[in-house]
Amino acid sequence: MTRFVMNKKDDLVDSALDGMIYASPWQNLVRLQVDPHIRIVMRRDWQKQQVALISGGGSGHEPAHVGFIGKGMLTAAVCGDVFASPSVDAVYNAILHLTGEAGCLLIVKNYTGDRLNFGLAAEKARKAGFSVNMVIVGDDVALPDNPQPRGVAGTLLVHKVAGFAAERGDDLAAVTEAAEAASRSTATMGVALSGCHLPDEESSERVPDGSVEMGLGIHGEPGVDVMQTQNAQQLVQHLLEKVMPDNDQRCALLVNNLGGMSALEMSLITRELIASPRSQQCDYLIGPAPLMTALDMKGFSVTCLTLNPLLEEAICAPVEVTGWVNAVKIVPLAPVVVTREASAQPAQPSDNPRVAAMVNAICDTLIASEGDLNRLDAQVGDGDTGSTFAVGARQIKRECADHQLPLDALPDLLAITGERLATVMGGSSGVLMAIFFTAAAQQLADGDRLPVALQQGLDKMKQYGGARPGDRTMIDALQPAIEALVAGQSLAVAAEAAQQGSDATAGMGKARAGRSSYLNSANLNGVPDPGSVAVARVFAALTQL
């Protein structure tokens, strides 16, 4: 089963190239129309006044290589089918139509197909009288003993350095030497949680759950090792040990999203990279960004460029291309420190074994239900209800264990609970529960019984949250339980009312509040609201004390 949005597989690459040309903010890309089977994208403003820089290879690595065409980087890219090298004829025509008296440099990733096709095209062009050099980039250090290391994301740094030299007017020999210096100074290694999916091709997931594959290629080639962890700190440390030089030379780090990582994950990875003691000699950061991707591969790579004055100047020089991310100087984090303003006076901690038992029962129930509630919420919401409740429960449980709560002063306990939940719980659930406990605390402080105080908390929750019974929310379990307590019924009766209210949400059809309100009734049918399930489980746990 394909995981691609496309029209026809045969038109995929050509249509995608057109889309990239349309989207270029510099409006400086154009197709070099040679033949329907040849795909060459070039600088629109090219006048052959400098050394031409031509790269390319198989498609599927976007924004590479078209995204790096423009002033300060590539002159043109020759594009093959997905993960397939362009033909000799395609490369040869690019050289012939783009090369002037200054000559041409081919920048080639170290794969057999690319070496052969670009190499033969270079030989034919030389025979035709053109000055052509070729630099083969092999920055992958996953297999240190491999005599033919693969060219991966570090190739982009070679584009950048060669582009800088060519743009300032260096001759072919100098541009070639700059590119070779960048290639020699570059080391890359990647890691992925899953492979990539080719258009119209079946694919299997070979990476076990909870593991990652180290050193896999940008075409989905198997890696060198499987690590049984997905801990960002451990992965980053392993990669840095592979790519960083053993001396104290200054470096730049390029952080590349292989296509399927979320921005949140890439930001975490970046933080771990910079925070690692292993990277303290790094001066510049490039990324995180999708630069040299492998279709939708869920993974990332880290490239280290050992700097000298030329390479440092080159990576910092401005360019007019779509895909490049400006190098930024790494500086320490310096947060603005202020005094936290408390919204209420702290209460004096006190002990009450019975109340402590109830608090712990509630917290333990929510923590144990985290996975179940998340799975339910994944069907009717955004999949985080269990985690949200568990975060609040863990905080309250910690403070209870550390004797920080006013357990013998119930109004203060409810008020403190409201404050804590507003701070640690995210989303609407945290605010709603904070409103519930804060309003209940005030009513209890005014002298009302606990059930009446809870009723006041529920009323405020409904007022600000907008939900009512029948809207398919936690209120469908909470309101009947509290009403039973207000009426003088036992805790067991209240727990049964909560369970019945929760069960009823599974058959309510269209939700009218909360995240579930964005789904149609067909998606919700038979699935109880996770918030109501949490309420029912809490009341059931309290009956066991």
Protein backbone atom coordinates (compact mmCIF):
# COMPACT_ATOMS: atom_id res chain seq x y z
CA MET A 1 0.00 0.00 0.00
CA THR A 2 1.46 3.36 -1.02
CA ARG A 3 1.92 6.19 1.47
CA PHE A 4 2.33 8.78 -1.25
CA VAL A 5 0.11 11.57 -2.45
CA MET A 6 0.68 11.62 -6.20
CA ASN A 7 -0.98 11.47 -9.57
CA LYS A 8 1.10 9.01 -11.57
CA LYS A 9 4.35 7.52 -10.39
CA ASP A 10 6.01 8.34 -13.71
CA ASP A 11 5.18 12.04 -13.30
CA LEU A 12 6.08 12.33 -9.62
CA VAL A 13 9.61 13.73 -9.92
CA ASP A 14 8.86 16.13 -12.79
CA SER A 15 5.81 17.52 -11.04
CA ALA A 16 7.69 17.89 -7.76
CA LEU A 17 10.50 19.79 -9.50
CA ASP A 18 7.95 22.20 -10.95
CA GLY A 19 6.50 22.69 -7.49
CA MET A 20 9.90 23.53 -6.05
CA ILE A 21 10.52 26.04 -8.82
CA TYR A 22 7.14 27.68 -8.17
CA ALA A 23 7.88 27.91 -4.44
CA SER A 24 11.37 29.40 -4.65
CA PRO A 25 11.25 32.80 -2.92
CA TRP A 26 14.17 34.02 -5.03
CA GLN A 27 12.34 33.20 -8.30
CA ASN A 28 15.72 32.27 -9.71
CA LEU A 29 15.17 28.64 -10.74
CA VAL A 30 14.35 27.39 -14.20
CA ARG A 31 14.28 24.08 -16.04
CA LEU A 32 16.95 23.56 -18.70
CA GLN A 33 14.76 21.97 -21.36
CA VAL A 34 16.93 19.47 -23.23
CA ASP A 35 14.79 16.37 -23.56
CA PRO A 36 11.63 15.10 -21.80
CA HIS A 37 13.71 12.39 -20.13
CA ILE A 38 16.38 14.77 -18.82
CA ARG A 39 15.76 16.80 -15.65
CA ILE A 40 18.09 19.73 -15.13
CA VAL A 41 17.22 22.70 -12.90
CA MET A 42 19.53 25.73 -13.04
CA ARG A 43 20.01 29.32 -11.94
CA ARG A 44 17.95 31.61 -14.11
CA ASP A 45 20.60 34.35 -13.82
CA TRP A 46 23.53 32.13 -14.86
CA GLN A 47 25.93 33.85 -17.30
CA LYS A 48 28.85 31.36 -17.24
CA GLN A 49 31.09 34.04 -15.74
CA GLN A 50 32.25 31.80 -12.85
CA VAL A 51 33.06 28.18 -12.20
CA ALA A 52 29.85 26.19 -12.69
CA LEU A 53 28.91 23.93 -9.78
CA ILE A 54 26.77 20.95 -10.75
CA SER A 55 25.50 18.30 -8.36
CA GLY A 56 22.50 16.04 -8.24
CA GLY A 57 21.57 12.40 -7.97
CA GLY A 58 18.43 10.50 -7.20
CA SER A 59 15.29 12.33 -6.14
CA GLY A 60 13.65 11.75 -2.77
CA HIS A 61 16.22 13.75 -0.79
CA GLU A 62 14.46 17.12 -1.05
CA PRO A 63 15.32 19.93 -0.64
CA ALA A 64 18.53 18.40 -1.97
CA HIS A 65 19.53 19.09 -4.58
CA VAL A 66 17.31 21.71 -6.24
CA GLY A 67 16.85 23.55 -2.96
CA PHE A 68 20.53 24.48 -2.97
CA ILE A 69 20.67 26.08 -6.41
CA GLY A 70 21.26 29.81 -6.42
CA LYS A 71 23.72 32.56 -5.73
CA GLY A 72 26.41 31.32 -3.36
CA MET A 73 25.78 27.60 -3.89
CA LEU A 74 24.97 25.36 -6.87
CA THR A 75 24.62 26.42 -10.48
CA ALA A 76 22.44 23.44 -11.36
CA ALA A 77 21.21 20.04 -10.23
CA VAL A 78 20.70 16.99 -12.42
CA CYS A 79 17.86 14.90 -11.02
CA GLY A 80 17.21 11.21 -11.47
CA ASP A 81 14.20 9.14 -10.53
CA VAL A 82 13.56 8.39 -6.85
CA PHE A 83 16.82 7.05 -5.40
CA ALA A 84 18.25 6.54 -8.92
CA SER A 85 21.22 8.35 -10.43
CA PRO A 86 20.61 10.58 -13.47
CA SER A 87 21.94 9.28 -16.76
CA VAL A 88 25.32 10.06 -18.32
CA ASP A 89 23.49 11.94 -21.06
CA ALA A 90 21.69 14.14 -18.54
CA VAL A 91 24.89 15.07 -16.70
CA TYR A 92 26.77 15.60 -19.96
CA ASN A 93 24.14 18.02 -21.24
CA ALA A 94 24.25 19.95 -17.98
CA ILE A 95 28.01 20.36 -18.29
CA LEU A 96 27.86 21.41 -21.93
CA HIS A 97 25.12 24.02 -21.52
CA LEU A 98 26.29 25.54 -18.23
CA THR A 99 30.08 25.57 -18.44
CA GLY A 100 32.03 28.59 -19.64
CA GLU A 101 35.72 29.36 -19.79
CA ALA A 102 36.02 29.20 -15.98
CA GLY A 103 35.22 25.48 -16.07
CA CYS A 104 32.93 23.20 -14.11
CA LEU A 105 33.09 21.30 -10.81
CA LEU A 106 30.91 18.24 -10.29
CA ILE A 107 30.08 17.50 -6.65
CA VAL A 108 29.05 13.87 -6.37
CA LYS A 109 27.87 11.72 -3.46
CA ASN A 110 29.86 8.52 -3.16
CA TYR A 111 27.42 5.99 -4.60
CA THR A 112 28.31 3.68 -7.46
CA GLY A 113 25.63 4.94 -9.83
CA ASP A 114 26.48 8.59 -9.23
CA ARG A 115 30.22 8.02 -9.55
CA LEU A 116 29.82 6.15 -12.82
CA ASN A 117 27.31 8.44 -14.49
CA PHE A 118 28.88 11.72 -13.41
CA GLY A 119 32.37 10.34 -14.03
CA LEU A 120 31.69 9.20 -17.59
CA ALA A 121 29.92 12.47 -18.35
CA ALA A 122 32.98 14.35 -17.08
CA GLU A 123 35.27 12.29 -19.32
CA LYS A 124 33.09 12.95 -22.36
CA ALA A 125 32.97 16.69 -21.57
CA ARG A 126 36.75 16.86 -21.23
CA LYS A 127 37.10 15.14 -24.57
CA ALA A 128 34.79 17.81 -26.00
CA GLY A 129 37.16 20.51 -24.72
CA PHE A 130 35.59 21.50 -21.39
CA SER A 131 37.50 21.98 -18.15
CA VAL A 132 35.80 19.67 -15.69
CA ASN A 133 36.82 18.54 -12.20
CA MET A 134 34.94 16.20 -9.89
CA VAL A 135 34.87 15.93 -6.10
CA ILE A 136 33.41 12.76 -4.60
CA VAL A 137 32.02 13.26 -1.09
CA GLY A 138 32.12 10.34 1.35
CA ASP A 139 31.27 11.83 4.73
CA ASP A 140 29.45 8.84 6.27
CA VAL A 141 31.47 7.42 9.18
CA ALA A 142 29.07 4.61 10.11
CA LEU A 143 31.55 2.05 8.72
CA PRO A 144 34.99 3.47 9.49
CA ASP A 145 36.79 0.65 7.66
CA ASN A 146 34.75 1.02 4.48
CA PRO A 147 37.03 2.13 1.61
CA GLN A 148 34.00 3.73 -0.10
CA PRO A 149 32.08 5.70 2.56
CA ARG A 150 28.73 7.02 1.43
CA GLY A 151 28.02 10.64 0.66
CA VAL A 152 25.22 11.93 2.86
CA ALA A 153 24.25 15.25 4.48
CA GLY A 154 27.83 16.51 4.64
CA THR A 155 27.64 16.91 0.86
CA LEU A 156 25.65 20.08 1.47
CA LEU A 157 28.58 21.65 3.31
CA VAL A 158 30.75 20.90 0.30
CA HIS A 159 28.14 22.67 -1.88
CA LYS A 160 28.28 25.64 0.48
CA VAL A 161 32.05 25.94 0.59
CA ALA A 162 32.52 25.42 -3.16
CA GLY A 163 29.69 27.88 -3.81
CA PHE A 164 31.38 30.50 -1.67
CA ALA A 165 34.69 30.09 -3.52
CA ALA A 166 33.05 30.15 -6.94
CA GLU A 167 30.89 33.17 -6.13
CA ARG A 168 33.90 35.26 -5.17
CA GLY A 169 35.57 34.40 -8.48
CA ASP A 170 38.13 31.72 -7.56
CA ASP A 171 39.43 29.65 -10.46
CA LEU A 172 38.56 25.97 -10.98
CA ALA A 173 41.64 24.71 -9.15
CA ALA A 174 40.92 26.85 -6.10
CA VAL A 175 37.22 25.98 -6.05
CA THR A 176 38.09 22.29 -6.31
CA GLU A 177 40.61 22.54 -3.49
CA ALA A 178 38.07 24.34 -1.28
CA ALA A 179 35.49 21.61 -1.97
CA GLU A 180 38.01 18.86 -1.24
CA ALA A 181 39.05 20.57 1.98
CA ALA A 182 35.42 20.71 3.09
CA SER A 183 34.93 17.06 2.17
CA ARG A 184 38.01 15.99 4.14
CA SER A 185 36.81 17.96 7.18
CA THR A 186 33.28 16.52 7.24
CA ALA A 187 31.89 13.52 9.13
CA THR A 188 28.25 12.40 9.30
CA MET A 189 26.27 9.66 10.97
CA GLY A 190 22.53 9.06 11.02
CA VAL A 191 19.99 7.22 13.14
CA ALA A 192 16.38 6.26 12.43
CA LEU A 193 13.37 4.82 14.19
CA SER A 194 11.95 3.53 10.91
CA GLY A 195 12.87 3.21 7.26
CA CYS A 196 11.39 5.12 4.35
CA HIS A 197 8.47 4.29 2.09
CA LEU A 198 8.97 4.30 -1.67
CA PRO A 199 6.07 5.33 -3.94
CA ASP A 200 3.88 2.36 -4.88
CA GLU A 201 6.18 -0.07 -3.08
CA GLU A 202 5.43 -2.36 -0.16
CA SER A 203 7.76 -1.80 2.77
CA SER A 204 8.36 -3.55 6.05
CA GLU A 205 9.40 -2.05 9.34
CA ARG A 206 12.65 -3.75 10.31
CA VAL A 207 13.45 -1.56 13.33
CA PRO A 208 11.98 -3.16 16.49
CA ASP A 209 9.69 -1.09 18.70
CA GLY A 210 11.63 0.93 21.22
CA SER A 211 14.85 0.68 19.21
CA VAL A 212 16.73 2.68 16.60
CA GLU A 213 18.96 1.75 13.72
CA MET A 214 22.36 3.44 13.69
CA GLY A 215 24.22 4.37 10.53
CA LEU A 216 21.58 3.58 7.95
CA GLY A 217 21.83 5.14 4.49
CA ILE A 218 19.72 7.85 2.87
CA HIS A 219 18.12 5.29 0.56
CA GLY A 220 16.93 3.09 3.40
CA GLU A 221 19.99 0.85 3.35
CA PRO A 222 20.33 -1.16 6.58
CA GLY A 223 22.43 0.40 9.29
CA VAL A 224 25.39 -0.99 11.14
CA ASP A 225 23.77 -1.55 14.51
CA VAL A 226 20.47 -1.55 16.37
CA MET A 227 20.35 0.19 19.72
CA GLN A 228 17.59 -0.73 22.14
CA THR A 229 16.81 2.82 23.16
CA GLN A 230 15.06 5.91 21.88
CA ASN A 231 16.53 8.16 24.54
CA ALA A 232 17.61 11.39 22.85
CA GLN A 233 20.55 12.01 25.16
CA GLN A 234 21.99 8.54 24.59
CA LEU A 235 21.53 8.71 20.81
CA VAL A 236 23.16 12.12 20.58
CA GLN A 237 26.10 11.03 22.68
CA HIS A 238 26.66 8.01 20.44
CA LEU A 239 26.55 10.09 17.26
CA LEU A 240 28.88 12.75 18.63
CA GLU A 241 31.43 10.10 19.58
CA LYS A 242 31.44 9.01 15.94
CA VAL A 243 31.58 12.37 14.16
CA MET A 244 33.56 14.69 16.45
CA PRO A 245 37.33 15.01 15.99
CA ASP A 246 39.58 13.72 18.76
CA ASN A 247 41.42 17.03 19.04
CA ASP A 248 40.15 20.40 20.25
CA GLN A 249 39.65 21.98 16.82
CA ARG A 250 36.65 24.28 16.49
CA CYS A 251 33.68 22.79 14.66
CA ALA A 252 30.25 23.42 13.20
CA LEU A 253 27.31 21.03 13.59
CA LEU A 254 24.71 20.40 10.91
CA VAL A 255 21.53 18.79 12.27
CA ASN A 256 19.51 17.14 9.52
CA ASN A 257 15.94 15.82 9.68
CA LEU A 258 15.79 12.74 7.46
CA GLY A 259 12.17 13.51 6.62
CA GLY A 260 9.83 12.10 9.24
CA MET A 261 10.85 13.68 12.54
CA SER A 262 8.58 16.21 14.21
CA ALA A 263 9.84 19.72 14.90
CA LEU A 264 9.44 19.03 18.61
CA GLU A 265 11.76 16.02 18.45
CA MET A 266 14.34 17.87 16.36
CA SER A 267 14.41 20.72 18.87
CA LEU A 268 14.99 18.25 21.71
CA ILE A 269 17.81 16.61 19.74
CA THR A 270 19.38 20.00 19.09
CA ARG A 271 19.29 20.87 22.76
CA GLU A 272 20.96 17.58 23.67
CA LEU A 273 23.62 18.08 21.02
CA ILE A 274 24.61 21.50 22.27
CA ALA A 275 24.34 20.55 25.95
CA SER A 276 26.61 17.53 25.53
CA PRO A 277 30.15 17.96 26.92
CA ARG A 278 31.31 16.20 23.74
CA SER A 279 30.29 19.19 21.59
CA GLN A 280 31.76 22.04 23.62
CA GLN A 281 34.26 22.80 20.84
CA CYS A 282 31.43 23.56 18.40
CA ASP A 283 31.01 27.21 17.45
CA TYR A 284 28.19 27.06 14.89
CA LEU A 285 24.85 25.31 14.43
CA ILE A 286 23.19 24.70 11.07
CA GLY A 287 19.63 23.43 11.46
CA PRO A 288 17.75 21.57 12.68
CA ALA A 289 16.03 21.28 9.32
CA PRO A 290 15.21 18.79 6.57
CA LEU A 291 18.22 19.27 4.29
CA MET A 292 19.22 15.87 2.90
CA THR A 293 16.15 13.70 3.49
CA ALA A 294 15.26 10.11 2.72
CA LEU A 295 11.60 10.54 1.76
CA ASP A 296 9.65 10.05 5.03
CA MET A 297 12.33 8.30 7.08
CA LYS A 298 11.81 8.94 10.78
CA GLY A 299 15.34 9.76 11.75
CA PHE A 300 18.05 12.37 11.80
CA SER A 301 21.74 12.77 11.10
CA VAL A 302 24.48 14.85 12.66
CA THR A 303 27.35 16.26 10.61
CA CYS A 304 30.50 17.78 12.09
CA LEU A 305 32.61 20.16 10.01
CA THR A 306 36.06 20.84 11.44
CA LEU A 307 36.70 24.51 10.80
CA ASN A 308 39.53 26.57 9.42
CA PRO A 309 39.29 30.28 8.49
CA LEU A 310 38.13 29.55 4.92
CA LEU A 311 35.50 27.02 5.94
CA GLU A 312 34.19 29.26 8.72
CA GLU A 313 33.83 32.22 6.37
CA ALA A 314 32.23 30.02 3.74
CA ILE A 315 29.50 28.50 5.92
CA CYS A 316 28.55 31.93 7.27
CA ALA A 317 28.35 33.64 3.87
CA PRO A 318 24.84 34.65 2.69
CA VAL A 319 23.19 32.70 -0.13
CA GLU A 320 20.07 32.97 -2.23
CA VAL A 321 18.75 29.41 -2.15
CA THR A 322 15.61 27.82 -0.78
CA GLY A 323 16.92 24.92 1.27
CA TRP A 324 19.89 26.29 3.19
CA VAL A 325 19.58 27.27 6.86
CA ASN A 326 21.87 30.06 8.05
CA ALA A 327 24.66 29.05 10.41
CA VAL A 328 24.14 30.55 13.85
CA LYS A 329 26.75 31.16 16.51
CA ILE A 330 26.20 28.89 19.51
CA VAL A 331 25.86 30.96 22.68
CA PRO A 332 24.96 29.82 26.20
CA LEU A 333 21.35 29.96 27.30
CA ALA A 334 20.73 33.02 29.43
CA PRO A 335 17.17 33.06 30.75
CA VAL A 336 15.77 36.17 32.37
CA VAL A 337 15.31 35.23 36.02
CA VAL A 338 12.42 36.80 37.90
CA THR A 339 10.69 36.14 41.21
CA ARG A 340 7.62 33.99 40.93
CA GLU A 341 4.54 35.78 42.12
CA ALA A 342 2.32 33.43 44.11
CA SER A 343 -1.41 33.63 43.44
CA ALA A 344 -2.24 32.55 46.97
CA GLN A 345 -0.61 32.39 50.38
CA PRO A 346 1.09 29.02 51.00
CA ALA A 347 -0.70 26.89 53.55
CA GLN A 348 0.94 25.25 56.55
CA PRO A 349 1.61 21.52 55.93
CA SER A 350 -0.25 19.17 58.26
CA ASP A 351 -0.92 15.43 58.60
CA ASN A 352 -4.15 13.45 58.41
CA PRO A 353 -3.68 9.73 57.66
CA ARG A 354 -7.20 9.20 56.33
CA VAL A 355 -7.01 12.16 53.96
CA ALA A 356 -3.52 11.07 52.89
CA ALA A 357 -4.89 7.62 52.03
CA MET A 358 -7.62 9.19 49.88
CA VAL A 359 -5.17 11.51 48.12
CA ASN A 360 -2.82 8.62 47.35
CA ALA A 361 -5.67 6.40 46.15
CA ILE A 362 -6.79 9.08 43.70
CA CYS A 363 -3.24 9.72 42.46
CA ASP A 364 -2.34 6.03 42.15
CA THR A 365 -5.51 5.37 40.16
CA LEU A 366 -4.80 8.15 37.68
CA ILE A 367 -1.15 7.18 37.30
CA ALA A 368 -2.04 3.51 36.71
CA SER A 369 -4.69 4.53 34.16
CA GLU A 370 -2.33 6.67 32.05
CA GLY A 371 -1.92 4.20 29.19
CA ASP A 372 -5.59 3.17 29.07
CA LEU A 373 -6.80 6.76 29.03
CA ASN A 374 -4.30 7.74 26.33
CA ARG A 375 -5.46 4.86 24.14
CA LEU A 376 -9.08 5.90 24.58
CA ASP A 377 -8.25 9.53 23.88
CA ALA A 378 -6.34 8.55 20.74
CA GLN A 379 -9.68 7.36 19.35
CA VAL A 380 -11.69 10.44 20.29
CA GLY A 381 -9.18 13.25 20.86
CA ASP A 382 -5.48 13.97 20.76
CA GLY A 383 -4.24 11.01 22.79
CA ASP A 384 -2.95 12.77 25.90
CA THR A 385 -5.71 12.60 28.51
CA GLY A 386 -3.98 9.88 30.52
CA SER A 387 -0.64 11.67 30.47
CA THR A 388 -2.24 14.98 31.45
CA PHE A 389 -3.99 13.51 34.49
CA ALA A 390 -0.92 11.46 35.42
CA VAL A 391 1.32 14.54 35.45
CA GLY A 392 -0.96 16.24 37.97
CA ALA A 393 -1.32 13.08 40.03
CA ARG A 394 2.44 12.55 40.26
CA GLN A 395 2.97 16.11 41.48
CA ILE A 396 0.32 15.83 44.21
CA LYS A 397 1.57 12.39 45.24
CA ARG A 398 5.15 13.69 45.56
CA GLU A 399 4.05 16.59 47.76
CA CYS A 400 1.96 14.25 49.88
CA ALA A 401 4.92 11.89 50.37
CA ASP A 402 7.15 14.85 51.27
CA HIS A 403 4.64 16.11 53.85
CA GLN A 404 4.15 19.38 51.99
CA LEU A 405 0.35 19.36 51.88
CA PRO A 406 -2.14 20.76 54.44
CA LEU A 407 -3.88 17.40 54.80
CA ASP A 408 -5.67 18.39 58.01
CA ALA A 409 -7.09 21.63 56.58
CA LEU A 410 -9.39 20.60 53.73
CA PRO A 411 -10.09 24.10 52.31
CA ASP A 412 -6.35 24.74 52.09
CA LEU A 413 -5.75 21.29 50.58
CA LEU A 414 -8.27 21.90 47.80
CA ALA A 415 -6.85 25.36 47.13
CA ILE A 416 -3.27 24.06 46.95
CA THR A 417 -4.41 21.23 44.67
CA GLY A 418 -6.03 23.74 42.34
CA GLU A 419 -2.85 25.80 42.21
CA ARG A 420 -0.64 22.79 41.51
CA LEU A 421 -2.84 21.42 38.76
CA ALA A 422 -2.99 24.81 37.04
CA THR A 423 0.81 24.82 36.99
CA VAL A 424 1.75 21.26 35.98
CA MET A 425 -1.20 20.01 33.94
CA GLY A 426 -1.40 21.16 30.34
CA GLY A 427 -4.31 21.80 28.03
CA SER A 428 -7.87 22.47 29.09
CA SER A 429 -8.02 19.61 31.59
CA GLY A 430 -5.53 21.25 33.94
CA VAL A 431 -7.37 24.57 33.93
CA LEU A 432 -10.76 22.93 34.39
CA MET A 433 -9.58 20.84 37.33
CA ALA A 434 -7.90 23.91 38.84
CA ILE A 435 -11.17 25.85 38.57
CA PHE A 436 -13.02 22.91 40.14
CA PHE A 437 -10.76 22.65 43.19
CA THR A 438 -10.29 26.41 43.65
CA ALA A 439 -14.01 27.12 43.64
CA ALA A 440 -14.69 24.15 45.92
CA ALA A 441 -12.02 25.36 48.35
CA GLN A 442 -13.63 28.79 48.61
CA GLN A 443 -17.07 27.32 49.24
CA LEU A 444 -15.65 24.98 51.88
CA ALA A 445 -13.86 27.87 53.56
CA ASP A 446 -17.22 29.67 53.74
CA GLY A 447 -18.55 26.84 55.92
CA ASP A 448 -20.43 24.57 53.49
CA ARG A 449 -20.24 20.78 53.54
CA LEU A 450 -17.77 19.07 51.20
CA PRO A 451 -20.43 17.76 48.77
CA VAL A 452 -21.90 21.24 48.44
CA ALA A 453 -18.45 22.68 47.92
CA LEU A 454 -17.78 20.14 45.20
CA GLN A 455 -21.08 21.09 43.61
CA GLN A 456 -19.92 24.72 43.53
CA GLY A 457 -16.67 23.63 41.91
CA LEU A 458 -18.63 21.72 39.28
CA ASP A 459 -20.85 24.72 38.58
CA LYS A 460 -17.82 26.94 38.01
CA MET A 461 -16.24 24.32 35.78
CA LYS A 462 -19.40 24.23 33.66
CA GLN A 463 -19.61 28.03 33.60
CA TYR A 464 -16.10 28.59 32.30
CA GLY A 465 -15.68 25.39 30.31
CA GLY A 466 -19.03 25.56 28.55
CA ALA A 467 -19.86 21.85 28.82
CA ARG A 468 -23.12 20.44 30.14
CA PRO A 469 -24.38 16.92 30.90
CA GLY A 470 -24.89 15.07 27.64
CA ASP A 471 -22.03 16.88 25.88
CA ARG A 472 -19.80 13.79 26.18
CA THR A 473 -17.22 15.06 28.68
CA MET A 474 -16.04 14.21 32.22
CA ILE A 475 -19.03 16.16 33.51
CA ASP A 476 -21.28 13.28 32.46
CA ALA A 477 -19.63 11.19 35.20
CA LEU A 478 -18.77 13.93 37.67
CA GLN A 479 -22.19 15.58 37.98
CA PRO A 480 -24.28 12.48 38.85
CA ALA A 481 -21.67 11.41 41.40
CA ILE A 482 -21.63 14.80 43.13
CA GLU A 483 -25.42 15.03 43.04
CA ALA A 484 -25.60 11.69 44.84
CA LEU A 485 -23.26 12.98 47.56
CA VAL A 486 -25.21 16.23 47.94
CA ALA A 487 -28.37 14.16 48.37
CA GLY A 488 -26.74 12.30 51.25
CA GLN A 489 -26.10 9.08 49.36
CA SER A 490 -23.10 6.87 50.13
CA LEU A 491 -19.77 6.98 48.30
CA ALA A 492 -20.64 3.62 46.73
CA VAL A 493 -23.83 5.06 45.26
CA ALA A 494 -21.88 8.05 43.95
CA ALA A 495 -19.31 5.73 42.36
CA GLU A 496 -22.06 3.75 40.65
CA ALA A 497 -23.60 6.98 39.35
CA ALA A 498 -20.21 8.05 37.97
CA GLN A 499 -19.76 4.70 36.23
CA GLN A 500 -23.21 4.84 34.66
CA GLY A 501 -22.56 8.39 33.47
CA SER A 502 -19.24 7.36 31.95
CA ASP A 503 -20.75 4.32 30.22
CA ALA A 504 -23.48 6.52 28.76
CA THR A 505 -20.94 8.69 26.93
CA ALA A 506 -20.10 5.78 24.61
CA GLY A 507 -23.55 6.01 23.05
CA MET A 508 -24.04 9.78 22.99
CA GLY A 509 -22.98 10.20 19.35
CA LYS A 510 -21.77 13.67 18.43
CA ALA A 511 -19.86 15.46 21.19
CA ARG A 512 -20.71 19.10 21.86
CA ALA A 513 -17.64 20.10 23.87
CA GLY A 514 -13.97 19.23 24.18
CA ARG A 515 -11.65 17.79 21.54
CA SER A 516 -14.19 15.12 20.61
CA SER A 517 -16.50 17.84 19.28
CA TYR A 518 -14.25 18.06 16.20
CA LEU A 519 -15.04 14.44 15.25
CA ASN A 520 -18.17 13.00 13.72
CA SER A 521 -20.37 10.57 15.62
CA ALA A 522 -19.15 7.57 13.60
CA ASN A 523 -15.66 7.98 15.06
CA LEU A 524 -17.03 8.25 18.59
CA ASN A 525 -19.58 5.46 18.58
CA GLY A 526 -18.90 2.90 21.29
CA VAL A 527 -15.94 4.76 22.81
CA PRO A 528 -16.50 6.31 26.26
CA ASP A 529 -15.12 9.76 26.98
CA PRO A 530 -11.68 9.27 28.60
CA GLY A 531 -12.20 12.09 31.11
CA SER A 532 -15.39 10.46 32.33
CA VAL A 533 -13.58 7.12 32.61
CA ALA A 534 -10.96 8.80 34.81
CA VAL A 535 -13.67 10.22 37.09
CA ALA A 536 -15.41 6.85 37.39
CA ARG A 537 -12.16 5.08 38.25
CA VAL A 538 -11.33 7.65 40.95
CA PHE A 539 -14.70 7.25 42.64
CA ALA A 540 -14.39 3.45 42.44
CA ALA A 541 -10.95 3.60 44.06
CA LEU A 542 -12.27 5.70 46.95
CA THR A 543 -14.89 3.07 47.75
CA GLN A 544 -12.09 0.58 48.45
CA LEU A 545 -10.70 2.56 51.39
